[in-house]
Amino acid sequence: MLILSVAAFAAGAVVLGSAEADGKGSVVHVLAGRDADLVVVTGGHDRGFRPGAVCTVSRDGHPFGTVVIAESVRSRSVALILSLDPLAASSSPRIQPGDVVSTRANPRI
């Protein structure tokens, strides 16, 4: 009976990330706020994003911004924009839908 209970529990378990998670997602939407701007990202726990993770934003392979994951669920995350480098952005220093968000190997800001 115990084996059946464990098997039933495991079948419904949600994996919150794994070694296969690539740590990358795309910007879906940018929410402009009065005090801070937020970025909605495809990918959440399934891609290895966790609250507090510092990530790099890039466009066409060139990094130009830094965000921190504020909230993450299975397949969606919301991040707070920490900084933008207007000189590094290829066409615009603003984060736009389609930009790539990736976790940093070294999480220090």
PDB file of N, CA and C in Angstrom:
ATOM      1  N   MET A   1       0.816  -1.195   0.000  1.00  0.00           N
ATOM      2  CA  MET A   1       0.000   0.000   0.000  1.00  0.00           C
ATOM      3  C   MET A   1       0.862   1.262   0.000  1.00  0.00           C
ATOM      4  N   LEU A   2       1.940   1.238   0.762  1.00  0.00           N
ATOM      5  CA  LEU A   2       2.830   2.389   0.811  1.00  0.00           C
ATOM      6  C   LEU A   2       3.459   2.665  -0.554  1.00  0.00           C
ATOM      7  N   ILE A   3       3.834   1.617  -1.265  1.00  0.00           N
ATOM      8  CA  ILE A   3       4.449   1.783  -2.587  1.00  0.00           C
ATOM      9  C   ILE A   3       3.464   2.438  -3.544  1.00  0.00           C
ATOM     10  N   LEU A   4       2.197   2.048  -3.489  1.00  0.00           N
ATOM     11  CA  LEU A   4       1.188   2.664  -4.352  1.00  0.00           C
ATOM     12  C   LEU A   4       0.994   4.132  -4.019  1.00  0.00           C
ATOM     13  N   SER A   5       1.029   4.482  -2.741  1.00  0.00           N
ATOM     14  CA  SER A   5       0.870   5.876  -2.326  1.00  0.00           C
ATOM     15  C   SER A   5       2.039   6.727  -2.815  1.00  0.00           C
ATOM     16  N   VAL A   6       3.253   6.207  -2.688  1.00  0.00           N
ATOM     17  CA  VAL A   6       4.435   6.931  -3.150  1.00  0.00           C
ATOM     18  C   VAL A   6       4.390   7.095  -4.663  1.00  0.00           C
ATOM     19  N   ALA A   7       3.999   6.066  -5.381  1.00  0.00           N
ATOM     20  CA  ALA A   7       3.915   6.139  -6.841  1.00  0.00           C
ATOM     21  C   ALA A   7       2.860   7.151  -7.275  1.00  0.00           C
ATOM     22  N   ALA A   8       1.736   7.188  -6.585  1.00  0.00           N
ATOM     23  CA  ALA A   8       0.683   8.148  -6.920  1.00  0.00           C
ATOM     24  C   ALA A   8       1.143   9.571  -6.641  1.00  0.00           C
ATOM     25  N   PHE A   9       1.868   9.766  -5.545  1.00  0.00           N
ATOM     26  CA  PHE A   9       2.389  11.090  -5.216  1.00  0.00           C
ATOM     27  C   PHE A   9       3.419  11.539  -6.251  1.00  0.00           C
ATOM     28  N   ALA A  10       4.335  10.657  -6.618  1.00  0.00           N
ATOM     29  CA  ALA A  10       5.389  10.991  -7.575  1.00  0.00           C
ATOM     30  C   ALA A  10       4.815  11.303  -8.946  1.00  0.00           C
ATOM     31  N   ALA A  11       3.729  10.645  -9.319  1.00  0.00           N
ATOM     32  CA  ALA A  11       3.125  10.890 -10.635  1.00  0.00           C
ATOM     33  C   ALA A  11       2.589  12.310 -10.740  1.00  0.00           C
ATOM     34  N   GLY A  12       2.156  12.882  -9.613  1.00  0.00           N
ATOM     35  CA  GLY A  12       1.613  14.233  -9.628  1.00  0.00           C
ATOM     36  C   GLY A  12       2.610  15.298  -9.220  1.00  0.00           C
ATOM     37  N   ALA A  13       3.843  14.910  -8.978  1.00  0.00           N
ATOM     38  CA  ALA A  13       4.854  15.858  -8.518  1.00  0.00           C
ATOM     39  C   ALA A  13       5.248  16.825  -9.624  1.00  0.00           C
ATOM     40  N   VAL A  14       5.543  18.034  -9.220  1.00  0.00           N
ATOM     41  CA  VAL A  14       5.999  19.061 -10.156  1.00  0.00           C
ATOM     42  C   VAL A  14       7.488  19.259  -9.950  1.00  0.00           C
ATOM     43  N   VAL A  15       8.252  19.135 -11.001  1.00  0.00           N
ATOM     44  CA  VAL A  15       9.690  19.336 -10.926  1.00  0.00           C
ATOM     45  C   VAL A  15       9.967  20.832 -10.978  1.00  0.00           C
ATOM     46  N   LEU A  16      10.715  21.356 -10.044  1.00  0.00           N
ATOM     47  CA  LEU A  16      10.972  22.785  -9.953  1.00  0.00           C
ATOM     48  C   LEU A  16      12.309  23.177 -10.571  1.00  0.00           C
ATOM     49  N   GLY A  17      12.709  22.483 -11.574  1.00  0.00           N
ATOM     50  CA  GLY A  17      13.982  22.758 -12.227  1.00  0.00           C
ATOM     51  C   GLY A  17      14.864  21.540 -12.114  1.00  0.00           C
ATOM     52  N   SER A  18      15.815  21.441 -12.983  1.00  0.00           N
ATOM     53  CA  SER A  18      16.694  20.291 -12.964  1.00  0.00           C
ATOM     54  C   SER A  18      17.992  20.661 -13.651  1.00  0.00           C
ATOM     55  N   ALA A  19      18.868  19.696 -13.741  1.00  0.00           N
ATOM     56  CA  ALA A  19      20.137  19.936 -14.418  1.00  0.00           C
ATOM     57  C   ALA A  19      19.921  20.253 -15.887  1.00  0.00           C
ATOM     58  N   GLU A  20      18.789  19.851 -16.442  1.00  0.00           N
ATOM     59  CA  GLU A  20      18.495  20.118 -17.841  1.00  0.00           C
ATOM     60  C   GLU A  20      17.978  21.538 -18.081  1.00  0.00           C
ATOM     61  N   ALA A  21      17.617  22.259 -17.025  1.00  0.00           N
ATOM     62  CA  ALA A  21      17.120  23.629 -17.174  1.00  0.00           C
ATOM     63  C   ALA A  21      18.229  24.493 -17.758  1.00  0.00           C
ATOM     64  N   ASP A  22      17.905  25.228 -18.825  1.00  0.00           N
ATOM     65  CA  ASP A  22      18.940  25.999 -19.515  1.00  0.00           C
ATOM     66  C   ASP A  22      19.158  27.397 -18.953  1.00  0.00           C
ATOM     67  N   GLY A  23      18.296  27.845 -18.038  1.00  0.00           N
ATOM     68  CA  GLY A  23      18.481  29.164 -17.432  1.00  0.00           C
ATOM     69  C   GLY A  23      18.244  30.315 -18.382  1.00  0.00           C
ATOM     70  N   LYS A  24      17.455  30.084 -19.436  1.00  0.00           N
ATOM     71  CA  LYS A  24      17.170  31.142 -20.411  1.00  0.00           C
ATOM     72  C   LYS A  24      15.676  31.250 -20.662  1.00  0.00           C
ATOM     73  N   GLY A  25      15.237  32.486 -20.886  1.00  0.00           N
ATOM     74  CA  GLY A  25      13.854  32.760 -21.240  1.00  0.00           C
ATOM     75  C   GLY A  25      13.790  34.024 -22.070  1.00  0.00           C
ATOM     76  N   SER A  26      12.640  34.265 -22.666  1.00  0.00           N
ATOM     77  CA  SER A  26      12.463  35.468 -23.487  1.00  0.00           C
ATOM     78  C   SER A  26      11.542  36.452 -22.790  1.00  0.00           C
ATOM     79  N   VAL A  27      11.804  37.721 -22.996  1.00  0.00           N
ATOM     80  CA  VAL A  27      10.934  38.762 -22.464  1.00  0.00           C
ATOM     81  C   VAL A  27       9.620  38.723 -23.236  1.00  0.00           C
ATOM     82  N   VAL A  28       8.517  38.685 -22.489  1.00  0.00           N
ATOM     83  CA  VAL A  28       7.190  38.692 -23.095  1.00  0.00           C
ATOM     84  C   VAL A  28       6.590  40.086 -23.048  1.00  0.00           C
ATOM     85  N   HIS A  29       6.812  40.768 -21.917  1.00  0.00           N
ATOM     86  CA  HIS A  29       6.171  42.061 -21.705  1.00  0.00           C
ATOM     87  C   HIS A  29       6.986  42.870 -20.704  1.00  0.00           C
ATOM     88  N   VAL A  30       6.986  44.169 -20.879  1.00  0.00           N
ATOM     89  CA  VAL A  30       7.625  45.071 -19.920  1.00  0.00           C
ATOM     90  C   VAL A  30       6.527  45.930 -19.305  1.00  0.00           C
ATOM     91  N   LEU A  31       6.439  45.911 -17.982  1.00  0.00           N
ATOM     92  CA  LEU A  31       5.422  46.670 -17.254  1.00  0.00           C
ATOM     93  C   LEU A  31       6.077  47.902 -16.647  1.00  0.00           C
ATOM     94  N   ALA A  32       5.730  49.058 -17.156  1.00  0.00           N
ATOM     95  CA  ALA A  32       6.285  50.305 -16.631  1.00  0.00           C
ATOM     96  C   ALA A  32       5.534  50.708 -15.374  1.00  0.00           C
ATOM     97  N   GLY A  33       6.273  50.913 -14.307  1.00  0.00           N
ATOM     98  CA  GLY A  33       5.677  51.330 -13.052  1.00  0.00           C
ATOM     99  C   GLY A  33       6.145  52.718 -12.664  1.00  0.00           C
ATOM    100  N   ARG A  34       5.535  53.255 -11.640  1.00  0.00           N
ATOM    101  CA  ARG A  34       5.901  54.589 -11.181  1.00  0.00           C
ATOM    102  C   ARG A  34       7.300  54.613 -10.575  1.00  0.00           C
ATOM    103  N   ASP A  35       7.606  53.587  -9.768  1.00  0.00           N
ATOM    104  CA  ASP A  35       8.892  53.548  -9.079  1.00  0.00           C
ATOM    105  C   ASP A  35       9.887  52.567  -9.695  1.00  0.00           C
ATOM    106  N   ALA A  36       9.374  51.560 -10.395  1.00  0.00           N
ATOM    107  CA  ALA A  36      10.254  50.544 -10.976  1.00  0.00           C
ATOM    108  C   ALA A  36       9.546  49.880 -12.151  1.00  0.00           C
ATOM    109  N   ASP A  37      10.331  49.344 -13.071  1.00  0.00           N
ATOM    110  CA  ASP A  37       9.780  48.615 -14.205  1.00  0.00           C
ATOM    111  C   ASP A  37       9.990  47.123 -13.988  1.00  0.00           C
ATOM    112  N   LEU A  38       9.011  46.340 -14.430  1.00  0.00           N
ATOM    113  CA  LEU A  38       9.070  44.896 -14.295  1.00  0.00           C
ATOM    114  C   LEU A  38       9.093  44.252 -15.671  1.00  0.00           C
ATOM    115  N   VAL A  39       9.683  43.080 -15.750  1.00  0.00           N
ATOM    116  CA  VAL A  39       9.790  42.335 -16.989  1.00  0.00           C
ATOM    117  C   VAL A  39       9.141  40.972 -16.780  1.00  0.00           C
ATOM    118  N   VAL A  40       8.221  40.592 -17.666  1.00  0.00           N
ATOM    119  CA  VAL A  40       7.612  39.264 -17.628  1.00  0.00           C
ATOM    120  C   VAL A  40       8.415  38.377 -18.569  1.00  0.00           C
ATOM    121  N   VAL A  41       8.826  37.214 -18.080  1.00  0.00           N
ATOM    122  CA  VAL A  41       9.725  36.328 -18.811  1.00  0.00           C
ATOM    123  C   VAL A  41       9.090  34.954 -18.992  1.00  0.00           C
ATOM    124  N   THR A  42       9.230  34.393 -20.211  1.00  0.00           N
ATOM    125  CA  THR A  42       8.823  33.001 -20.403  1.00  0.00           C
ATOM    126  C   THR A  42       9.817  32.141 -19.649  1.00  0.00           C
ATOM    127  N   GLY A  43       9.330  31.150 -19.001  1.00  0.00           N
ATOM    128  CA  GLY A  43      10.183  30.277 -18.216  1.00  0.00           C
ATOM    129  C   GLY A  43      10.163  30.677 -16.757  1.00  0.00           C
ATOM    130  N   GLY A  44      10.098  29.678 -15.935  1.00  0.00           N
ATOM    131  CA  GLY A  44      10.091  29.882 -14.496  1.00  0.00           C
ATOM    132  C   GLY A  44      10.944  28.801 -13.859  1.00  0.00           C
ATOM    133  N   HIS A  45      10.341  28.070 -12.951  1.00  0.00           N
ATOM    134  CA  HIS A  45      11.051  26.972 -12.295  1.00  0.00           C
ATOM    135  C   HIS A  45      11.531  25.956 -13.323  1.00  0.00           C
ATOM    136  N   ASP A  46      10.751  25.801 -14.412  1.00  0.00           N
ATOM    137  CA  ASP A  46      11.133  24.833 -15.444  1.00  0.00           C
ATOM    138  C   ASP A  46      12.419  25.214 -16.164  1.00  0.00           C
ATOM    139  N   ARG A  47      12.804  26.467 -16.113  1.00  0.00           N
ATOM    140  CA  ARG A  47      14.041  26.926 -16.758  1.00  0.00           C
ATOM    141  C   ARG A  47      15.140  27.237 -15.750  1.00  0.00           C
ATOM    142  N   GLY A  48      14.868  27.041 -14.472  1.00  0.00           N
ATOM    143  CA  GLY A  48      15.881  27.292 -13.454  1.00  0.00           C
ATOM    144  C   GLY A  48      15.827  28.677 -12.835  1.00  0.00           C
ATOM    145  N   PHE A  49      14.788  29.477 -13.137  1.00  0.00           N
ATOM    146  CA  PHE A  49      14.651  30.802 -12.530  1.00  0.00           C
ATOM    147  C   PHE A  49      14.075  30.658 -11.130  1.00  0.00           C
ATOM    148  N   ARG A  50      14.693  31.330 -10.172  1.00  0.00           N
ATOM    149  CA  ARG A  50      14.247  31.333  -8.779  1.00  0.00           C
ATOM    150  C   ARG A  50      14.231  32.772  -8.281  1.00  0.00           C
ATOM    151  N   PRO A  51      13.327  33.106  -7.355  1.00  0.00           N
ATOM    152  CA  PRO A  51      13.344  34.451  -6.781  1.00  0.00           C
ATOM    153  C   PRO A  51      14.730  34.774  -6.207  1.00  0.00           C
ATOM    154  N   GLY A  52      15.207  35.967  -6.523  1.00  0.00           N
ATOM    155  CA  GLY A  52      16.517  36.400  -6.058  1.00  0.00           C
ATOM    156  C   GLY A  52      17.638  36.154  -7.047  1.00  0.00           C
ATOM    157  N   ALA A  53      17.372  35.363  -8.089  1.00  0.00           N
ATOM    158  CA  ALA A  53      18.417  35.084  -9.082  1.00  0.00           C
ATOM    159  C   ALA A  53      18.706  36.338  -9.905  1.00  0.00           C
ATOM    160  N   VAL A  54      19.969  36.684 -10.022  1.00  0.00           N
ATOM    161  CA  VAL A  54      20.387  37.824 -10.830  1.00  0.00           C
ATOM    162  C   VAL A  54      20.624  37.310 -12.249  1.00  0.00           C
ATOM    163  N   CYS A  55      20.052  38.002 -13.229  1.00  0.00           N
ATOM    164  CA  CYS A  55      20.111  37.554 -14.615  1.00  0.00           C
ATOM    165  C   CYS A  55      20.597  38.664 -15.535  1.00  0.00           C
ATOM    166  N   THR A  56      21.130  38.257 -16.664  1.00  0.00           N
ATOM    167  CA  THR A  56      21.600  39.175 -17.694  1.00  0.00           C
ATOM    168  C   THR A  56      20.575  39.241 -18.817  1.00  0.00           C
ATOM    169  N   VAL A  57      20.344  40.441 -19.335  1.00  0.00           N
ATOM    170  CA  VAL A  57      19.454  40.636 -20.478  1.00  0.00           C
ATOM    171  C   VAL A  57      20.329  40.915 -21.690  1.00  0.00           C
ATOM    172  N   SER A  58      20.049  40.216 -22.793  1.00  0.00           N
ATOM    173  CA  SER A  58      20.844  40.429 -23.999  1.00  0.00           C
ATOM    174  C   SER A  58      19.945  40.503 -25.225  1.00  0.00           C
ATOM    175  N   ARG A  59      20.502  41.110 -26.263  1.00  0.00           N
ATOM    176  CA  ARG A  59      19.825  41.211 -27.558  1.00  0.00           C
ATOM    177  C   ARG A  59      20.865  40.915 -28.626  1.00  0.00           C
ATOM    178  N   ASP A  60      20.529  40.024 -29.523  1.00  0.00           N
ATOM    179  CA  ASP A  60      21.457  39.634 -30.593  1.00  0.00           C
ATOM    180  C   ASP A  60      22.804  39.173 -30.029  1.00  0.00           C
ATOM    181  N   GLY A  61      22.757  38.509 -28.871  1.00  0.00           N
ATOM    182  CA  GLY A  61      23.968  37.982 -28.259  1.00  0.00           C
ATOM    183  C   GLY A  61      24.804  38.976 -27.478  1.00  0.00           C
ATOM    184  N   HIS A  62      24.331  40.225 -27.385  1.00  0.00           N
ATOM    185  CA  HIS A  62      25.084  41.262 -26.677  1.00  0.00           C
ATOM    186  C   HIS A  62      24.375  41.637 -25.378  1.00  0.00           C
ATOM    187  N   PRO A  63      25.005  41.405 -24.217  1.00  0.00           N
ATOM    188  CA  PRO A  63      24.388  41.765 -22.940  1.00  0.00           C
ATOM    189  C   PRO A  63      24.313  43.275 -22.759  1.00  0.00           C
ATOM    190  N   PHE A  64      23.198  43.736 -22.185  1.00  0.00           N
ATOM    191  CA  PHE A  64      23.064  45.179 -21.964  1.00  0.00           C
ATOM    192  C   PHE A  64      22.273  45.533 -20.707  1.00  0.00           C
ATOM    193  N   GLY A  65      21.804  44.549 -19.961  1.00  0.00           N
ATOM    194  CA  GLY A  65      21.027  44.866 -18.771  1.00  0.00           C
ATOM    195  C   GLY A  65      21.102  43.774 -17.724  1.00  0.00           C
ATOM    196  N   THR A  66      20.651  44.143 -16.526  1.00  0.00           N
ATOM    197  CA  THR A  66      20.621  43.216 -15.401  1.00  0.00           C
ATOM    198  C   THR A  66      19.250  43.286 -14.739  1.00  0.00           C
ATOM    199  N   VAL A  67      18.682  42.117 -14.451  1.00  0.00           N
ATOM    200  CA  VAL A  67      17.412  42.029 -13.740  1.00  0.00           C
ATOM    201  C   VAL A  67      17.562  41.038 -12.599  1.00  0.00           C
ATOM    202  N   VAL A  68      16.647  41.106 -11.647  1.00  0.00           N
ATOM    203  CA  VAL A  68      16.598  40.120 -10.565  1.00  0.00           C
ATOM    204  C   VAL A  68      15.191  39.522 -10.573  1.00  0.00           C
ATOM    205  N   ILE A  69      15.124  38.204 -10.480  1.00  0.00           N
ATOM    206  CA  ILE A  69      13.836  37.516 -10.475  1.00  0.00           C
ATOM    207  C   ILE A  69      13.122  37.826  -9.159  1.00  0.00           C
ATOM    208  N   ALA A  70      11.931  38.404  -9.266  1.00  0.00           N
ATOM    209  CA  ALA A  70      11.137  38.753  -8.085  1.00  0.00           C
ATOM    210  C   ALA A  70      10.155  37.647  -7.730  1.00  0.00           C
ATOM    211  N   GLU A  71       9.577  37.019  -8.749  1.00  0.00           N
ATOM    212  CA  GLU A  71       8.585  35.965  -8.545  1.00  0.00           C
ATOM    213  C   GLU A  71       8.723  34.966  -9.673  1.00  0.00           C
ATOM    214  N   SER A  72       8.552  33.696  -9.346  1.00  0.00           N
ATOM    215  CA  SER A  72       8.671  32.659 -10.365  1.00  0.00           C
ATOM    216  C   SER A  72       7.677  31.547 -10.068  1.00  0.00           C
ATOM    217  N   VAL A  73       6.999  31.107 -11.111  1.00  0.00           N
ATOM    218  CA  VAL A  73       6.124  29.942 -11.026  1.00  0.00           C
ATOM    219  C   VAL A  73       6.636  28.934 -12.039  1.00  0.00           C
ATOM    220  N   ARG A  74       5.879  27.926 -12.312  1.00  0.00           N
ATOM    221  CA  ARG A  74       6.374  26.841 -13.162  1.00  0.00           C
ATOM    222  C   ARG A  74       6.921  27.312 -14.510  1.00  0.00           C
ATOM    223  N   SER A  75       6.189  28.129 -15.239  1.00  0.00           N
ATOM    224  CA  SER A  75       6.637  28.485 -16.587  1.00  0.00           C
ATOM    225  C   SER A  75       6.618  29.986 -16.871  1.00  0.00           C
ATOM    226  N   ARG A  76       6.644  30.797 -15.830  1.00  0.00           N
ATOM    227  CA  ARG A  76       6.627  32.251 -16.016  1.00  0.00           C
ATOM    228  C   ARG A  76       7.341  32.896 -14.840  1.00  0.00           C
ATOM    229  N   SER A  77       8.049  33.992 -15.121  1.00  0.00           N
ATOM    230  CA  SER A  77       8.735  34.739 -14.072  1.00  0.00           C
ATOM    231  C   SER A  77       8.505  36.230 -14.262  1.00  0.00           C
ATOM    232  N   VAL A  78       8.640  36.956 -13.165  1.00  0.00           N
ATOM    233  CA  VAL A  78       8.597  38.416 -13.194  1.00  0.00           C
ATOM    234  C   VAL A  78       9.896  38.896 -12.572  1.00  0.00           C
ATOM    235  N   ALA A  79      10.554  39.828 -13.274  1.00  0.00           N
ATOM    236  CA  ALA A  79      11.852  40.321 -12.812  1.00  0.00           C
ATOM    237  C   ALA A  79      11.831  41.840 -12.685  1.00  0.00           C
ATOM    238  N   LEU A  80      12.622  42.347 -11.773  1.00  0.00           N
ATOM    239  CA  LEU A  80      12.797  43.782 -11.545  1.00  0.00           C
ATOM    240  C   LEU A  80      14.060  44.225 -12.279  1.00  0.00           C
ATOM    241  N   ILE A  81      13.954  45.296 -13.042  1.00  0.00           N
ATOM    242  CA  ILE A  81      15.118  45.802 -13.769  1.00  0.00           C
ATOM    243  C   ILE A  81      16.058  46.498 -12.780  1.00  0.00           C
ATOM    244  N   LEU A  82      17.309  46.031 -12.744  1.00  0.00           N
ATOM    245  CA  LEU A  82      18.309  46.624 -11.860  1.00  0.00           C
ATOM    246  C   LEU A  82      19.133  47.681 -12.578  1.00  0.00           C
ATOM    247  N   SER A  83      19.573  47.366 -13.800  1.00  0.00           N
ATOM    248  CA  SER A  83      20.414  48.320 -14.523  1.00  0.00           C
ATOM    249  C   SER A  83      20.361  48.056 -16.019  1.00  0.00           C
ATOM    250  N   LEU A  84      20.652  49.110 -16.788  1.00  0.00           N
ATOM    251  CA  LEU A  84      20.756  49.040 -18.243  1.00  0.00           C
ATOM    252  C   LEU A  84      22.014  49.774 -18.661  1.00  0.00           C
ATOM    253  N   ASP A  85      22.691  49.250 -19.647  1.00  0.00           N
ATOM    254  CA  ASP A  85      23.884  49.890 -20.184  1.00  0.00           C
ATOM    255  C   ASP A  85      23.545  50.422 -21.569  1.00  0.00           C
ATOM    256  N   PRO A  86      23.237  51.710 -21.685  1.00  0.00           N
ATOM    257  CA  PRO A  86      22.815  52.255 -22.970  1.00  0.00           C
ATOM    258  C   PRO A  86      23.880  52.170 -24.054  1.00  0.00           C
ATOM    259  N   LEU A  87      25.139  52.054 -23.682  1.00  0.00           N
ATOM    260  CA  LEU A  87      26.207  51.962 -24.680  1.00  0.00           C
ATOM    261  C   LEU A  87      26.343  50.552 -25.247  1.00  0.00           C
ATOM    262  N   ALA A  88      25.874  49.559 -24.485  1.00  0.00           N
ATOM    263  CA  ALA A  88      26.021  48.173 -24.922  1.00  0.00           C
ATOM    264  C   ALA A  88      24.850  47.695 -25.772  1.00  0.00           C
ATOM    265  N   ALA A  89      23.691  48.336 -25.664  1.00  0.00           N
ATOM    266  CA  ALA A  89      22.516  47.892 -26.419  1.00  0.00           C
ATOM    267  C   ALA A  89      22.706  48.154 -27.902  1.00  0.00           C
ATOM    268  N   SER A  90      22.331  47.176 -28.715  1.00  0.00           N
ATOM    269  CA  SER A  90      22.570  47.294 -30.148  1.00  0.00           C
ATOM    270  C   SER A  90      21.722  48.375 -30.806  1.00  0.00           C
ATOM    271  N   SER A  91      20.460  48.508 -30.386  1.00  0.00           N
ATOM    272  CA  SER A  91      19.617  49.510 -31.044  1.00  0.00           C
ATOM    273  C   SER A  91      18.848  50.380 -30.059  1.00  0.00           C
ATOM    274  N   SER A  92      18.610  49.886 -28.868  1.00  0.00           N
ATOM    275  CA  SER A  92      17.839  50.642 -27.888  1.00  0.00           C
ATOM    276  C   SER A  92      18.239  50.200 -26.487  1.00  0.00           C
ATOM    277  N   PRO A  93      18.422  51.133 -25.560  1.00  0.00           N
ATOM    278  CA  PRO A  93      18.786  50.760 -24.205  1.00  0.00           C
ATOM    279  C   PRO A  93      17.601  50.264 -23.378  1.00  0.00           C
ATOM    280  N   ARG A  94      16.448  50.084 -24.008  1.00  0.00           N
ATOM    281  CA  ARG A  94      15.275  49.603 -23.288  1.00  0.00           C
ATOM    282  C   ARG A  94      15.091  48.108 -23.512  1.00  0.00           C
ATOM    283  N   ILE A  95      14.619  47.432 -22.479  1.00  0.00           N
ATOM    284  CA  ILE A  95      14.295  46.014 -22.613  1.00  0.00           C
ATOM    285  C   ILE A  95      12.999  45.909 -23.403  1.00  0.00           C
ATOM    286  N   GLN A  96      12.990  44.999 -24.368  1.00  0.00           N
ATOM    287  CA  GLN A  96      11.851  44.829 -25.265  1.00  0.00           C
ATOM    288  C   GLN A  96      11.456  43.361 -25.348  1.00  0.00           C
ATOM    289  N   PRO A  97      10.185  43.093 -25.720  1.00  0.00           N
ATOM    290  CA  PRO A  97       9.801  41.697 -25.961  1.00  0.00           C
ATOM    291  C   PRO A  97      10.747  41.048 -26.961  1.00  0.00           C
ATOM    292  N   GLY A  98      11.131  39.823 -26.666  1.00  0.00           N
ATOM    293  CA  GLY A  98      12.062  39.099 -27.524  1.00  0.00           C
ATOM    294  C   GLY A  98      13.490  39.099 -27.011  1.00  0.00           C
ATOM    295  N   ASP A  99      13.836  40.048 -26.125  1.00  0.00           N
ATOM    296  CA  ASP A  99      15.164  40.042 -25.527  1.00  0.00           C
ATOM    297  C   ASP A  99      15.327  38.769 -24.698  1.00  0.00           C
ATOM    298  N   VAL A 100      16.552  38.301 -24.554  1.00  0.00           N
ATOM    299  CA  VAL A 100      16.828  37.055 -23.845  1.00  0.00           C
ATOM    300  C   VAL A 100      17.288  37.347 -22.421  1.00  0.00           C
ATOM    301  N   VAL A 101      16.692  36.638 -21.471  1.00  0.00           N
ATOM    302  CA  VAL A 101      17.072  36.732 -20.061  1.00  0.00           C
ATOM    303  C   VAL A 101      17.752  35.416 -19.698  1.00  0.00           C
ATOM    304  N   SER A 102      18.952  35.489 -19.141  1.00  0.00           N
ATOM    305  CA  SER A 102      19.675  34.273 -18.767  1.00  0.00           C
ATOM    306  C   SER A 102      20.280  34.427 -17.381  1.00  0.00           C
ATOM    307  N   THR A 103      20.264  33.318 -16.641  1.00  0.00           N
ATOM    308  CA  THR A 103      20.834  33.346 -15.305  1.00  0.00           C
ATOM    309  C   THR A 103      22.344  33.485 -15.401  1.00  0.00           C
ATOM    310  N   ARG A 104      22.906  34.099 -14.410  1.00  0.00           N
ATOM    311  CA  ARG A 104      24.364  34.290 -14.369  1.00  0.00           C
ATOM    312  C   ARG A 104      25.011  33.087 -13.695  1.00  0.00           C
ATOM    313  N   ALA A 105      26.194  32.743 -14.163  1.00  0.00           N
ATOM    314  CA  ALA A 105      26.946  31.668 -13.526  1.00  0.00           C
ATOM    315  C   ALA A 105      27.372  32.099 -12.137  1.00  0.00           C
ATOM    316  N   ASN A 106      27.728  33.371 -11.983  1.00  0.00           N
ATOM    317  CA  ASN A 106      28.102  33.921 -10.698  1.00  0.00           C
ATOM    318  C   ASN A 106      26.991  34.898 -10.299  1.00  0.00           C
ATOM    319  N   PRO A 107      26.165  34.560  -9.306  1.00  0.00           N
ATOM    320  CA  PRO A 107      24.992  35.377  -8.998  1.00  0.00           C
ATOM    321  C   PRO A 107      25.269  36.709  -8.319  1.00  0.00           C
ATOM    322  N   ARG A 108      26.523  37.063  -8.068  1.00  0.00           N
ATOM    323  CA  ARG A 108      26.792  38.347  -7.440  1.00  0.00           C
ATOM    324  C   ARG A 108      26.507  39.487  -8.415  1.00  0.00           C
ATOM    325  N   ILE A 109      25.950  40.569  -7.904  1.00  0.00           N
ATOM    326  CA  ILE A 109      25.633  41.736  -8.734  1.00  0.00           C
ATOM    327  C   ILE A 109      26.871  42.426  -9.016  1.00  0.00           C
TER     328      ILE A 109
END
